N, C-alpha and C. Protein backbone atom coordinates (compact mmCIF):
# COMPACT_ATOMS: atom_id res chain seq x y z
N MET A 1 36.50 -15.50 -33.90
CA MET A 1 35.17 -15.65 -34.35
C MET A 1 34.74 -14.30 -34.95
N GLU A 2 34.19 -14.30 -36.10
CA GLU A 2 33.68 -13.07 -36.68
C GLU A 2 32.42 -12.59 -36.01
N LEU A 3 32.17 -11.31 -36.14
CA LEU A 3 31.03 -10.70 -35.50
C LEU A 3 29.72 -11.30 -35.97
N GLN A 4 29.59 -11.52 -37.23
CA GLN A 4 28.29 -12.14 -37.76
C GLN A 4 28.08 -13.49 -37.20
N ALA A 5 29.14 -14.29 -37.13
CA ALA A 5 28.98 -15.63 -36.57
C ALA A 5 28.66 -15.60 -35.10
N LEU A 6 29.29 -14.66 -34.42
CA LEU A 6 28.98 -14.51 -32.98
C LEU A 6 27.53 -14.10 -32.74
N LEU A 7 27.04 -13.13 -33.53
CA LEU A 7 25.63 -12.68 -33.43
C LEU A 7 24.68 -13.77 -33.80
N ALA A 8 25.08 -14.65 -34.69
CA ALA A 8 24.15 -15.73 -35.15
C ALA A 8 24.01 -16.87 -34.13
N THR A 9 24.99 -17.01 -33.21
CA THR A 9 24.90 -18.10 -32.24
C THR A 9 23.86 -17.75 -31.21
N GLN A 10 23.13 -18.76 -30.79
CA GLN A 10 22.04 -18.61 -29.82
C GLN A 10 22.64 -18.62 -28.40
N LEU A 11 22.35 -17.61 -27.65
CA LEU A 11 22.83 -17.47 -26.26
C LEU A 11 21.87 -18.17 -25.36
N VAL A 12 22.42 -18.98 -24.48
CA VAL A 12 21.62 -19.69 -23.51
C VAL A 12 21.87 -19.13 -22.11
N LEU A 13 20.89 -18.52 -21.55
CA LEU A 13 21.01 -17.94 -20.23
C LEU A 13 20.57 -18.96 -19.17
N PRO A 14 21.39 -19.19 -18.19
CA PRO A 14 20.93 -20.10 -17.09
C PRO A 14 20.06 -19.34 -16.13
N SER A 15 19.12 -20.00 -15.52
CA SER A 15 18.27 -19.39 -14.51
C SER A 15 19.02 -19.38 -13.18
N ILE A 16 18.56 -18.43 -12.29
CA ILE A 16 19.18 -18.32 -10.98
C ILE A 16 18.47 -19.35 -10.10
N PRO A 17 19.20 -20.38 -9.58
CA PRO A 17 18.56 -21.44 -8.78
C PRO A 17 17.74 -20.98 -7.64
N LYS A 18 18.14 -19.93 -6.89
CA LYS A 18 17.34 -19.45 -5.74
C LYS A 18 16.02 -18.89 -6.21
N VAL A 19 16.06 -18.15 -7.32
CA VAL A 19 14.82 -17.59 -7.81
C VAL A 19 13.84 -18.65 -8.28
N VAL A 20 14.40 -19.66 -8.94
CA VAL A 20 13.54 -20.77 -9.43
C VAL A 20 12.93 -21.48 -8.22
N ALA A 21 13.70 -21.68 -7.19
CA ALA A 21 13.19 -22.41 -6.00
C ALA A 21 12.10 -21.59 -5.34
N LEU A 22 12.28 -20.26 -5.22
CA LEU A 22 11.27 -19.41 -4.61
C LEU A 22 9.98 -19.38 -5.51
N LEU A 23 10.18 -19.35 -6.79
CA LEU A 23 9.07 -19.29 -7.75
C LEU A 23 8.28 -20.57 -7.65
N LEU A 24 8.96 -21.72 -7.63
CA LEU A 24 8.25 -23.00 -7.52
C LEU A 24 7.50 -23.10 -6.18
N SER A 25 8.10 -22.58 -5.10
CA SER A 25 7.50 -22.56 -3.83
C SER A 25 6.17 -21.71 -3.86
N GLU A 26 6.28 -20.55 -4.46
CA GLU A 26 5.07 -19.67 -4.60
C GLU A 26 4.01 -20.34 -5.44
N LEU A 27 4.42 -20.93 -6.53
CA LEU A 27 3.43 -21.57 -7.43
C LEU A 27 2.80 -22.81 -6.79
N ALA A 28 3.42 -23.42 -5.83
CA ALA A 28 2.89 -24.61 -5.15
C ALA A 28 1.82 -24.23 -4.14
N ARG A 29 1.73 -22.97 -3.78
CA ARG A 29 0.70 -22.52 -2.81
C ARG A 29 -0.71 -22.74 -3.44
N GLU A 30 -1.71 -22.84 -2.55
CA GLU A 30 -3.07 -23.02 -3.04
C GLU A 30 -3.51 -21.86 -3.89
N GLU A 31 -3.21 -20.63 -3.44
CA GLU A 31 -3.49 -19.41 -4.24
C GLU A 31 -2.26 -18.61 -4.37
N PRO A 32 -1.44 -18.78 -5.41
CA PRO A 32 -0.21 -18.07 -5.56
C PRO A 32 -0.50 -16.55 -5.72
N ASP A 33 0.38 -15.73 -5.13
CA ASP A 33 0.28 -14.27 -5.27
C ASP A 33 0.92 -13.90 -6.61
N LEU A 34 0.05 -13.47 -7.55
CA LEU A 34 0.52 -13.13 -8.91
C LEU A 34 1.53 -12.01 -8.92
N ARG A 35 1.38 -11.04 -8.01
CA ARG A 35 2.40 -9.94 -7.94
C ARG A 35 3.74 -10.50 -7.53
N LYS A 36 3.81 -11.45 -6.58
CA LYS A 36 5.05 -12.04 -6.16
C LYS A 36 5.63 -12.90 -7.31
N VAL A 37 4.81 -13.64 -7.99
CA VAL A 37 5.25 -14.45 -9.13
C VAL A 37 5.91 -13.56 -10.16
N SER A 38 5.23 -12.43 -10.48
CA SER A 38 5.75 -11.51 -11.46
C SER A 38 7.08 -10.92 -11.04
N GLN A 39 7.19 -10.53 -9.76
CA GLN A 39 8.43 -9.98 -9.24
C GLN A 39 9.56 -11.00 -9.27
N LEU A 40 9.25 -12.21 -8.90
CA LEU A 40 10.32 -13.27 -8.92
C LEU A 40 10.79 -13.50 -10.36
N ILE A 41 9.93 -13.63 -11.30
CA ILE A 41 10.30 -13.84 -12.71
C ILE A 41 11.13 -12.66 -13.22
N SER A 42 10.70 -11.47 -12.81
CA SER A 42 11.41 -10.27 -13.31
C SER A 42 12.84 -10.15 -12.83
N THR A 43 13.16 -10.80 -11.70
CA THR A 43 14.53 -10.78 -11.17
C THR A 43 15.48 -11.70 -11.90
N ASP A 44 14.91 -12.54 -12.69
CA ASP A 44 15.73 -13.58 -13.41
C ASP A 44 15.69 -13.32 -14.90
N PRO A 45 16.76 -12.87 -15.49
CA PRO A 45 16.75 -12.53 -16.96
C PRO A 45 16.41 -13.75 -17.82
N ALA A 46 16.86 -14.91 -17.45
CA ALA A 46 16.57 -16.10 -18.25
C ALA A 46 15.05 -16.47 -18.23
N LEU A 47 14.45 -16.46 -17.05
CA LEU A 47 13.02 -16.72 -16.94
C LEU A 47 12.21 -15.65 -17.67
N THR A 48 12.58 -14.38 -17.51
CA THR A 48 11.90 -13.30 -18.20
C THR A 48 11.95 -13.49 -19.69
N THR A 49 13.16 -13.81 -20.19
CA THR A 49 13.29 -14.01 -21.65
C THR A 49 12.43 -15.16 -22.16
N ARG A 50 12.47 -16.28 -21.43
CA ARG A 50 11.67 -17.45 -21.86
C ARG A 50 10.18 -17.12 -21.84
N LEU A 51 9.76 -16.44 -20.79
CA LEU A 51 8.35 -16.10 -20.66
C LEU A 51 7.87 -15.22 -21.80
N LEU A 52 8.64 -14.17 -22.14
CA LEU A 52 8.29 -13.25 -23.17
C LEU A 52 8.36 -13.93 -24.54
N GLN A 53 9.35 -14.79 -24.74
CA GLN A 53 9.41 -15.50 -26.05
C GLN A 53 8.19 -16.41 -26.21
N LEU A 54 7.83 -17.11 -25.18
CA LEU A 54 6.64 -18.00 -25.28
C LEU A 54 5.38 -17.20 -25.52
N SER A 55 5.20 -16.12 -24.76
CA SER A 55 3.91 -15.37 -24.95
C SER A 55 3.86 -14.63 -26.27
N ASN A 56 4.97 -14.39 -26.91
CA ASN A 56 5.00 -13.73 -28.19
C ASN A 56 5.12 -14.75 -29.36
N SER A 57 5.10 -16.00 -29.02
CA SER A 57 5.19 -17.01 -30.09
C SER A 57 3.90 -17.04 -30.96
N GLY A 58 3.99 -17.66 -32.09
CA GLY A 58 2.83 -17.75 -32.97
C GLY A 58 1.74 -18.62 -32.43
N PHE A 59 2.04 -19.44 -31.46
CA PHE A 59 1.04 -20.35 -30.86
C PHE A 59 -0.17 -19.59 -30.36
N PHE A 60 0.00 -18.39 -29.77
CA PHE A 60 -1.09 -17.66 -29.14
C PHE A 60 -1.78 -16.75 -30.18
N LYS A 61 -1.23 -16.53 -31.33
CA LYS A 61 -1.84 -15.74 -32.41
C LYS A 61 -2.34 -14.39 -31.90
N LEU A 62 -1.52 -13.68 -31.21
CA LEU A 62 -1.85 -12.34 -30.73
C LEU A 62 -1.53 -11.30 -31.80
N THR A 63 -2.30 -10.23 -31.83
CA THR A 63 -2.09 -9.19 -32.83
C THR A 63 -1.02 -8.21 -32.40
N GLY A 64 -0.83 -7.98 -31.09
CA GLY A 64 0.17 -7.11 -30.60
C GLY A 64 1.32 -7.82 -29.96
N LYS A 65 2.31 -7.08 -29.51
CA LYS A 65 3.50 -7.66 -28.89
C LYS A 65 3.35 -7.55 -27.37
N ILE A 66 3.73 -8.61 -26.70
CA ILE A 66 3.71 -8.65 -25.22
C ILE A 66 5.08 -8.15 -24.76
N ASN A 67 5.07 -7.11 -23.88
CA ASN A 67 6.33 -6.47 -23.46
C ASN A 67 6.62 -6.59 -21.96
N SER A 68 5.67 -7.17 -21.18
CA SER A 68 5.93 -7.23 -19.77
C SER A 68 5.65 -8.63 -19.21
N VAL A 69 6.21 -8.83 -18.05
CA VAL A 69 6.00 -10.13 -17.38
C VAL A 69 4.57 -10.25 -16.96
N SER A 70 3.95 -9.18 -16.46
CA SER A 70 2.54 -9.29 -16.03
C SER A 70 1.61 -9.58 -17.16
N GLU A 71 1.88 -9.01 -18.35
CA GLU A 71 1.06 -9.31 -19.54
C GLU A 71 1.25 -10.78 -19.93
N SER A 72 2.50 -11.23 -19.88
CA SER A 72 2.73 -12.63 -20.22
C SER A 72 2.05 -13.56 -19.29
N LEU A 73 2.03 -13.26 -17.98
CA LEU A 73 1.34 -14.14 -17.02
C LEU A 73 -0.16 -14.19 -17.36
N ALA A 74 -0.75 -13.07 -17.75
CA ALA A 74 -2.14 -13.05 -18.08
C ALA A 74 -2.45 -13.88 -19.35
N ILE A 75 -1.55 -13.89 -20.29
CA ILE A 75 -1.72 -14.64 -21.52
C ILE A 75 -1.49 -16.13 -21.30
N LEU A 76 -0.39 -16.52 -20.61
CA LEU A 76 -0.02 -17.89 -20.48
C LEU A 76 -0.72 -18.62 -19.39
N GLY A 77 -1.02 -17.98 -18.26
CA GLY A 77 -1.62 -18.64 -17.14
C GLY A 77 -0.54 -19.33 -16.28
N LEU A 78 -0.94 -19.69 -15.08
CA LEU A 78 0.06 -20.29 -14.16
C LEU A 78 0.50 -21.69 -14.55
N GLY A 79 -0.32 -22.40 -15.32
CA GLY A 79 0.04 -23.75 -15.71
C GLY A 79 1.34 -23.74 -16.58
N HIS A 80 1.41 -22.85 -17.55
CA HIS A 80 2.59 -22.71 -18.41
C HIS A 80 3.79 -22.19 -17.60
N VAL A 81 3.48 -21.31 -16.67
CA VAL A 81 4.60 -20.77 -15.84
C VAL A 81 5.16 -21.86 -14.96
N ARG A 82 4.29 -22.68 -14.41
CA ARG A 82 4.80 -23.85 -13.55
C ARG A 82 5.68 -24.80 -14.39
N THR A 83 5.22 -25.07 -15.62
CA THR A 83 6.01 -25.97 -16.46
C THR A 83 7.37 -25.32 -16.81
N MET A 84 7.32 -24.04 -17.12
CA MET A 84 8.58 -23.36 -17.46
C MET A 84 9.52 -23.36 -16.24
N ALA A 85 9.01 -23.03 -15.06
CA ALA A 85 9.84 -23.02 -13.85
C ALA A 85 10.39 -24.38 -13.53
N ALA A 86 9.55 -25.40 -13.68
CA ALA A 86 10.08 -26.76 -13.41
C ALA A 86 11.16 -27.16 -14.37
N ALA A 87 11.02 -26.76 -15.65
CA ALA A 87 12.04 -27.09 -16.62
C ALA A 87 13.38 -26.33 -16.32
N ALA A 88 13.27 -25.19 -15.68
CA ALA A 88 14.46 -24.36 -15.36
C ALA A 88 15.16 -24.89 -14.12
N ALA A 89 14.48 -25.69 -13.32
CA ALA A 89 15.03 -26.16 -12.04
C ALA A 89 16.15 -27.18 -12.26
């Protein structure tokens, strides 16, 4: 496979099942700890990538670029994070 073709293919990162389970458990609490949610997402490259891609999408029409998980959580809210985590399970 040529380098250009390899770079053009979309890489799909699988989520770490244990992290997803812990994240869903934290999100199911009455008042989830946002610091813990951020830490859990940050330990999973796939979840981090998805979260940053979503928060930087044109849907939110932001003027700047979101570069951290905590900024993404503030933009998206826990509802979007729950949906993303459930889809990764």
